[in-house]
């Protein structure tokens, strides 16, 4: 599990790795050290996914607001 620079990680890559981290934690059989490392990586990946989703939400909100602003200015 190579740690990549968060700035380079795309949403799908972060999501897929997060799914794998959760699967490994749920399967058990890891040492405490391994479990803690997996948990920490999972937290990092969740933050990456959250940033991508927040950015997408902001872009969507901006796109949806544009037609409303144009229509308000015409009245």
PDB file of N, CA and C in Angstrom:
ATOM      1  N   UNK A   1       0.850  -1.175   0.000  1.00  0.00           N
ATOM      2  CA  UNK A   1       0.000   0.000   0.000  1.00  0.00           C
ATOM      3  C   UNK A   1       0.891   1.232   0.000  1.00  0.00           C
ATOM      4  N   UNK A   2       1.238   1.702  -1.160  1.00  0.00           N
ATOM      5  CA  UNK A   2       2.115   2.858  -1.285  1.00  0.00           C
ATOM      6  C   UNK A   2       1.326   4.133  -1.065  1.00  0.00           C
ATOM      7  N   UNK A   3       1.863   4.984  -0.225  1.00  0.00           N
ATOM      8  CA  UNK A   3       1.209   6.261   0.038  1.00  0.00           C
ATOM      9  C   UNK A   3       1.576   7.225  -1.081  1.00  0.00           C
ATOM     10  N   UNK A   4       0.557   7.703  -1.774  1.00  0.00           N
ATOM     11  CA  UNK A   4       0.791   8.638  -2.866  1.00  0.00           C
ATOM     12  C   UNK A   4       0.481  10.040  -2.402  1.00  0.00           C
ATOM     13  N   UNK A   5       1.001  11.006  -3.116  1.00  0.00           N
ATOM     14  CA  UNK A   5       0.733  12.398  -2.806  1.00  0.00           C
ATOM     15  C   UNK A   5      -0.749  12.661  -2.982  1.00  0.00           C
ATOM     16  N   UNK A   6      -1.404  13.191  -1.951  1.00  0.00           N
ATOM     17  CA  UNK A   6      -2.844  13.414  -1.993  1.00  0.00           C
ATOM     18  C   UNK A   6      -3.257  14.323  -3.135  1.00  0.00           C
ATOM     19  N   UNK A   7      -2.399  15.248  -3.547  1.00  0.00           N
ATOM     20  CA  UNK A   7      -2.735  16.163  -4.624  1.00  0.00           C
ATOM     21  C   UNK A   7      -2.868  15.413  -5.947  1.00  0.00           C
ATOM     22  N   UNK A   8      -2.218  14.271  -6.063  1.00  0.00           N
ATOM     23  CA  UNK A   8      -2.241  13.497  -7.297  1.00  0.00           C
ATOM     24  C   UNK A   8      -3.341  12.439  -7.314  1.00  0.00           C
ATOM     25  N   UNK A   9      -3.933  12.155  -6.185  1.00  0.00           N
ATOM     26  CA  UNK A   9      -4.904  11.076  -6.083  1.00  0.00           C
ATOM     27  C   UNK A   9      -6.264  11.560  -6.572  1.00  0.00           C
ATOM     28  N   UNK A  10      -6.806  10.849  -7.556  1.00  0.00           N
ATOM     29  CA  UNK A  10      -8.140  11.155  -8.040  1.00  0.00           C
ATOM     30  C   UNK A  10      -9.193  10.549  -7.125  1.00  0.00           C
ATOM     31  N   UNK A  11     -10.420  10.976  -7.325  1.00  0.00           N
ATOM     32  CA  UNK A  11     -11.511  10.487  -6.478  1.00  0.00           C
ATOM     33  C   UNK A  11     -11.652   8.969  -6.562  1.00  0.00           C
ATOM     34  N   UNK A  12     -11.704   8.444  -7.778  1.00  0.00           N
ATOM     35  CA  UNK A  12     -11.921   7.012  -7.949  1.00  0.00           C
ATOM     36  C   UNK A  12     -10.788   6.190  -7.331  1.00  0.00           C
ATOM     37  N   UNK A  13      -9.562   6.661  -7.506  1.00  0.00           N
ATOM     38  CA  UNK A  13      -8.417   5.954  -6.923  1.00  0.00           C
ATOM     39  C   UNK A  13      -8.505   5.966  -5.399  1.00  0.00           C
ATOM     40  N   UNK A  14      -8.814   7.118  -4.815  1.00  0.00           N
ATOM     41  CA  UNK A  14      -8.935   7.220  -3.354  1.00  0.00           C
ATOM     42  C   UNK A  14     -10.079   6.350  -2.852  1.00  0.00           C
ATOM     43  N   UNK A  15     -11.216   6.379  -3.556  1.00  0.00           N
ATOM     44  CA  UNK A  15     -12.373   5.571  -3.157  1.00  0.00           C
ATOM     45  C   UNK A  15     -12.037   4.088  -3.201  1.00  0.00           C
ATOM     46  N   UNK A  16     -11.398   3.647  -4.286  1.00  0.00           N
ATOM     47  CA  UNK A  16     -11.070   2.229  -4.414  1.00  0.00           C
ATOM     48  C   UNK A  16     -10.088   1.777  -3.342  1.00  0.00           C
ATOM     49  N   UNK A  17      -9.103   2.608  -3.051  1.00  0.00           N
ATOM     50  CA  UNK A  17      -8.145   2.239  -2.001  1.00  0.00           C
ATOM     51  C   UNK A  17      -8.825   2.236  -0.639  1.00  0.00           C
ATOM     52  N   UNK A  18      -9.735   3.179  -0.423  1.00  0.00           N
ATOM     53  CA  UNK A  18     -10.475   3.221   0.847  1.00  0.00           C
ATOM     54  C   UNK A  18     -11.316   1.958   1.019  1.00  0.00           C
ATOM     55  N   UNK A  19     -11.946   1.508  -0.040  1.00  0.00           N
ATOM     56  CA  UNK A  19     -12.723   0.265   0.016  1.00  0.00           C
ATOM     57  C   UNK A  19     -11.828  -0.903   0.411  1.00  0.00           C
ATOM     58  N   UNK A  20     -10.634  -0.946  -0.156  1.00  0.00           N
ATOM     59  CA  UNK A  20      -9.689  -2.019   0.169  1.00  0.00           C
ATOM     60  C   UNK A  20      -9.238  -1.925   1.631  1.00  0.00           C
ATOM     61  N   UNK A  21      -8.993  -0.723   2.115  1.00  0.00           N
ATOM     62  CA  UNK A  21      -8.596  -0.539   3.516  1.00  0.00           C
ATOM     63  C   UNK A  21      -9.698  -1.051   4.441  1.00  0.00           C
ATOM     64  N   UNK A  22     -10.938  -0.677   4.162  1.00  0.00           N
ATOM     65  CA  UNK A  22     -12.059  -1.118   4.991  1.00  0.00           C
ATOM     66  C   UNK A  22     -12.197  -2.628   4.940  1.00  0.00           C
ATOM     67  N   UNK A  23     -12.048  -3.206   3.747  1.00  0.00           N
ATOM     68  CA  UNK A  23     -12.147  -4.654   3.612  1.00  0.00           C
ATOM     69  C   UNK A  23     -11.096  -5.355   4.475  1.00  0.00           C
ATOM     70  N   UNK A  24      -9.870  -4.841   4.440  1.00  0.00           N
ATOM     71  CA  UNK A  24      -8.798  -5.455   5.219  1.00  0.00           C
ATOM     72  C   UNK A  24      -9.045  -5.308   6.717  1.00  0.00           C
ATOM     73  N   UNK A  25      -9.552  -4.145   7.131  1.00  0.00           N
ATOM     74  CA  UNK A  25      -9.842  -3.960   8.556  1.00  0.00           C
ATOM     75  C   UNK A  25     -10.970  -4.877   9.016  1.00  0.00           C
ATOM     76  N   UNK A  26     -11.999  -5.015   8.184  1.00  0.00           N
ATOM     77  CA  UNK A  26     -13.122  -5.871   8.550  1.00  0.00           C
ATOM     78  C   UNK A  26     -12.733  -7.344   8.562  1.00  0.00           C
ATOM     79  N   UNK A  27     -11.795  -7.731   7.704  1.00  0.00           N
ATOM     80  CA  UNK A  27     -11.369  -9.125   7.632  1.00  0.00           C
ATOM     81  C   UNK A  27     -10.582  -9.531   8.875  1.00  0.00           C
ATOM     82  N   UNK A  28      -9.949  -8.556   9.517  1.00  0.00           N
ATOM     83  CA  UNK A  28      -9.153  -8.871  10.701  1.00  0.00           C
ATOM     84  C   UNK A  28      -7.858  -9.568  10.327  1.00  0.00           C
ATOM     85  N   UNK A  29      -7.231 -10.140  11.322  1.00  0.00           N
ATOM     86  CA  UNK A  29      -5.995 -10.871  11.075  1.00  0.00           C
ATOM     87  C   UNK A  29      -4.771  -9.988  10.944  1.00  0.00           C
ATOM     88  N   UNK A  30      -4.909  -8.698  11.222  1.00  0.00           N
ATOM     89  CA  UNK A  30      -3.754  -7.804  11.163  1.00  0.00           C
ATOM     90  C   UNK A  30      -3.302  -7.494  12.579  1.00  0.00           C
ATOM     91  N   UNK A  31      -2.045  -7.136  12.696  1.00  0.00           N
ATOM     92  CA  UNK A  31      -1.521  -6.742  14.001  1.00  0.00           C
ATOM     93  C   UNK A  31      -2.099  -5.373  14.384  1.00  0.00           C
ATOM     94  N   UNK A  32      -1.909  -4.998  15.600  1.00  0.00           N
ATOM     95  CA  UNK A  32      -2.359  -3.691  16.056  1.00  0.00           C
ATOM     96  C   UNK A  32      -1.681  -2.585  15.258  1.00  0.00           C
ATOM     97  N   UNK A  33      -0.396  -2.746  15.033  1.00  0.00           N
ATOM     98  CA  UNK A  33       0.352  -1.748  14.243  1.00  0.00           C
ATOM     99  C   UNK A  33      -0.220  -1.620  12.834  1.00  0.00           C
ATOM    100  N   UNK A  34      -0.464  -2.759  12.199  1.00  0.00           N
ATOM    101  CA  UNK A  34      -1.024  -2.751  10.848  1.00  0.00           C
ATOM    102  C   UNK A  34      -2.417  -2.135  10.829  1.00  0.00           C
ATOM    103  N   UNK A  35      -3.213  -2.487  11.818  1.00  0.00           N
ATOM    104  CA  UNK A  35      -4.569  -1.938  11.897  1.00  0.00           C
ATOM    105  C   UNK A  35      -4.551  -0.429  12.065  1.00  0.00           C
ATOM    106  N   UNK A  36      -3.659   0.065  12.909  1.00  0.00           N
ATOM    107  CA  UNK A  36      -3.558   1.514  13.101  1.00  0.00           C
ATOM    108  C   UNK A  36      -3.102   2.213  11.825  1.00  0.00           C
ATOM    109  N   UNK A  37      -2.141   1.610  11.127  1.00  0.00           N
ATOM    110  CA  UNK A  37      -1.670   2.191   9.866  1.00  0.00           C
ATOM    111  C   UNK A  37      -2.788   2.208   8.832  1.00  0.00           C
ATOM    112  N   UNK A  38      -3.557   1.119   8.772  1.00  0.00           N
ATOM    113  CA  UNK A  38      -4.686   1.071   7.841  1.00  0.00           C
ATOM    114  C   UNK A  38      -5.727   2.125   8.203  1.00  0.00           C
ATOM    115  N   UNK A  39      -6.023   2.249   9.481  1.00  0.00           N
ATOM    116  CA  UNK A  39      -7.002   3.240   9.938  1.00  0.00           C
ATOM    117  C   UNK A  39      -6.558   4.657   9.544  1.00  0.00           C
ATOM    118  N   UNK A  40      -5.300   4.967   9.795  1.00  0.00           N
ATOM    119  CA  UNK A  40      -4.773   6.297   9.454  1.00  0.00           C
ATOM    120  C   UNK A  40      -4.849   6.545   7.951  1.00  0.00           C
ATOM    121  N   UNK A  41      -4.501   5.539   7.155  1.00  0.00           N
ATOM    122  CA  UNK A  41      -4.584   5.689   5.696  1.00  0.00           C
ATOM    123  C   UNK A  41      -6.044   5.887   5.277  1.00  0.00           C
ATOM    124  N   UNK A  42      -6.931   5.147   5.902  1.00  0.00           N
ATOM    125  CA  UNK A  42      -8.355   5.299   5.604  1.00  0.00           C
ATOM    126  C   UNK A  42      -8.847   6.710   5.891  1.00  0.00           C
ATOM    127  N   UNK A  43      -8.389   7.275   6.987  1.00  0.00           N
ATOM    128  CA  UNK A  43      -8.769   8.659   7.322  1.00  0.00           C
ATOM    129  C   UNK A  43      -8.268   9.631   6.262  1.00  0.00           C
ATOM    130  N   UNK A  44      -7.033   9.443   5.817  1.00  0.00           N
ATOM    131  CA  UNK A  44      -6.467  10.306   4.764  1.00  0.00           C
ATOM    132  C   UNK A  44      -7.274  10.188   3.477  1.00  0.00           C
ATOM    133  N   UNK A  45      -7.588   8.954   3.109  1.00  0.00           N
ATOM    134  CA  UNK A  45      -8.343   8.727   1.874  1.00  0.00           C
ATOM    135  C   UNK A  45      -9.751   9.304   1.964  1.00  0.00           C
ATOM    136  N   UNK A  46     -10.373   9.190   3.130  1.00  0.00           N
ATOM    137  CA  UNK A  46     -11.713   9.762   3.313  1.00  0.00           C
ATOM    138  C   UNK A  46     -11.668  11.279   3.141  1.00  0.00           C
ATOM    139  N   UNK A  47     -10.612  11.911   3.629  1.00  0.00           N
ATOM    140  CA  UNK A  47     -10.470  13.360   3.457  1.00  0.00           C
ATOM    141  C   UNK A  47     -10.312  13.733   1.989  1.00  0.00           C
ATOM    142  N   UNK A  48      -9.533  12.925   1.255  1.00  0.00           N
ATOM    143  CA  UNK A  48      -9.351  13.167  -0.176  1.00  0.00           C
ATOM    144  C   UNK A  48     -10.706  13.076  -0.880  1.00  0.00           C
ATOM    145  N   UNK A  49     -11.458  12.025  -0.587  1.00  0.00           N
ATOM    146  CA  UNK A  49     -12.774  11.858  -1.203  1.00  0.00           C
ATOM    147  C   UNK A  49     -13.699  13.014  -0.848  1.00  0.00           C
ATOM    148  N   UNK A  50     -13.669  13.445   0.401  1.00  0.00           N
ATOM    149  CA  UNK A  50     -14.518  14.557   0.844  1.00  0.00           C
ATOM    150  C   UNK A  50     -14.166  15.826   0.076  1.00  0.00           C
ATOM    151  N   UNK A  51     -12.872  16.101  -0.102  1.00  0.00           N
ATOM    152  CA  UNK A  51     -12.474  17.307  -0.849  1.00  0.00           C
ATOM    153  C   UNK A  51     -12.968  17.245  -2.290  1.00  0.00           C
ATOM    154  N   UNK A  52     -12.823  16.077  -2.935  1.00  0.00           N
ATOM    155  CA  UNK A  52     -13.308  15.928  -4.304  1.00  0.00           C
ATOM    156  C   UNK A  52     -14.821  16.153  -4.366  1.00  0.00           C
ATOM    157  N   UNK A  53     -15.550  15.555  -3.438  1.00  0.00           N
ATOM    158  CA  UNK A  53     -17.006  15.689  -3.446  1.00  0.00           C
ATOM    159  C   UNK A  53     -17.444  17.113  -3.127  1.00  0.00           C
ATOM    160  N   UNK A  54     -16.768  17.761  -2.189  1.00  0.00           N
ATOM    161  CA  UNK A  54     -17.091  19.165  -1.880  1.00  0.00           C
ATOM    162  C   UNK A  54     -16.826  20.056  -3.088  1.00  0.00           C
ATOM    163  N   UNK A  55     -15.725  19.793  -3.787  1.00  0.00           N
ATOM    164  CA  UNK A  55     -15.411  20.567  -4.986  1.00  0.00           C
ATOM    165  C   UNK A  55     -16.448  20.354  -6.075  1.00  0.00           C
ATOM    166  N   UNK A  56     -16.867  19.116  -6.251  1.00  0.00           N
ATOM    167  CA  UNK A  56     -17.889  18.818  -7.256  1.00  0.00           C
ATOM    168  C   UNK A  56     -19.208  19.485  -6.888  1.00  0.00           C
ATOM    169  N   UNK A  57     -19.550  19.467  -5.604  1.00  0.00           N
ATOM    170  CA  UNK A  57     -20.791  20.105  -5.147  1.00  0.00           C
ATOM    171  C   UNK A  57     -20.738  21.610  -5.401  1.00  0.00           C
ATOM    172  N   UNK A  58     -19.600  22.226  -5.124  1.00  0.00           N
ATOM    173  CA  UNK A  58     -19.457  23.668  -5.349  1.00  0.00           C
ATOM    174  C   UNK A  58     -19.588  24.003  -6.834  1.00  0.00           C
ATOM    175  N   UNK A  59     -18.967  23.182  -7.682  1.00  0.00           N
ATOM    176  CA  UNK A  59     -19.072  23.416  -9.128  1.00  0.00           C
ATOM    177  C   UNK A  59     -20.513  23.248  -9.607  1.00  0.00           C
ATOM    178  N   UNK A  60     -21.201  22.246  -9.093  1.00  0.00           N
ATOM    179  CA  UNK A  60     -22.589  22.021  -9.470  1.00  0.00           C
ATOM    180  C   UNK A  60     -23.462  23.178  -9.007  1.00  0.00           C
ATOM    181  N   UNK A  61     -23.268  23.613  -7.776  1.00  0.00           N
ATOM    182  CA  UNK A  61     -24.044  24.749  -7.256  1.00  0.00           C
ATOM    183  C   UNK A  61     -23.795  26.010  -8.073  1.00  0.00           C
ATOM    184  N   UNK A  62     -22.543  26.230  -8.474  1.00  0.00           N
ATOM    185  CA  UNK A  62     -22.217  27.401  -9.285  1.00  0.00           C
ATOM    186  C   UNK A  62     -22.884  27.304 -10.653  1.00  0.00           C
ATOM    187  N   UNK A  63     -22.870  26.122 -11.242  1.00  0.00           N
ATOM    188  CA  UNK A  63     -23.497  25.942 -12.555  1.00  0.00           C
ATOM    189  C   UNK A  63     -25.004  26.120 -12.470  1.00  0.00           C
ATOM    190  N   UNK A  64     -25.603  25.640 -11.394  1.00  0.00           N
ATOM    191  CA  UNK A  64     -27.049  25.785 -11.235  1.00  0.00           C
ATOM    192  C   UNK A  64     -27.448  27.224 -10.930  1.00  0.00           C
ATOM    193  N   UNK A  65     -26.563  27.962 -10.290  1.00  0.00           N
ATOM    194  CA  UNK A  65     -26.874  29.347  -9.925  1.00  0.00           C
ATOM    195  C   UNK A  65     -26.797  30.273 -11.134  1.00  0.00           C
ATOM    196  N   UNK A  66     -25.982  29.973 -12.114  1.00  0.00           N
ATOM    197  CA  UNK A  66     -25.800  30.860 -13.269  1.00  0.00           C
ATOM    198  C   UNK A  66     -27.083  31.148 -14.020  1.00  0.00           C
ATOM    199  N   UNK A  67     -27.883  30.142 -14.420  1.00  0.00           N
ATOM    200  CA  UNK A  67     -29.113  30.458 -15.152  1.00  0.00           C
ATOM    201  C   UNK A  67     -30.099  31.281 -14.314  1.00  0.00           C
ATOM    202  N   UNK A  68     -30.159  31.022 -13.030  1.00  0.00           N
ATOM    203  CA  UNK A  68     -31.060  31.783 -12.149  1.00  0.00           C
ATOM    204  C   UNK A  68     -30.646  33.239 -12.057  1.00  0.00           C
ATOM    205  N   UNK A  69     -29.365  33.504 -11.996  1.00  0.00           N
ATOM    206  CA  UNK A  69     -28.880  34.881 -11.939  1.00  0.00           C
ATOM    207  C   UNK A  69     -29.166  35.605 -13.246  1.00  0.00           C
ATOM    208  N   UNK A  70     -29.015  34.906 -14.368  1.00  0.00           N
ATOM    209  CA  UNK A  70     -29.272  35.531 -15.667  1.00  0.00           C
ATOM    210  C   UNK A  70     -30.746  35.847 -15.812  1.00  0.00           C
ATOM    211  N   UNK A  71     -31.604  34.934 -15.355  1.00  0.00           N
ATOM    212  CA  UNK A  71     -33.047  35.165 -15.459  1.00  0.00           C
ATOM    213  C   UNK A  71     -33.498  36.294 -14.545  1.00  0.00           C
ATOM    214  N   UNK A  72     -32.881  36.406 -13.370  1.00  0.00           N
ATOM    215  CA  UNK A  72     -33.241  37.483 -12.443  1.00  0.00           C
ATOM    216  C   UNK A  72     -32.871  38.839 -13.011  1.00  0.00           C
ATOM    217  N   UNK A  73     -31.782  38.901 -13.750  1.00  0.00           N
ATOM    218  CA  UNK A  73     -31.340  40.166 -14.325  1.00  0.00           C
ATOM    219  C   UNK A  73     -32.181  40.614 -15.504  1.00  0.00           C
ATOM    220  N   UNK A  74     -32.969  39.692 -16.093  1.00  0.00           N
ATOM    221  CA  UNK A  74     -33.782  40.029 -17.262  1.00  0.00           C
ATOM    222  C   UNK A  74     -35.098  40.628 -16.878  1.00  0.00           C
ATOM    223  N   UNK A  75     -35.515  40.462 -15.633  1.00  0.00           N
ATOM    224  CA  UNK A  75     -36.853  40.855 -15.223  1.00  0.00           C
ATOM    225  C   UNK A  75     -36.965  42.246 -14.883  1.00  0.00           C
TER     226      UNK A  75
END
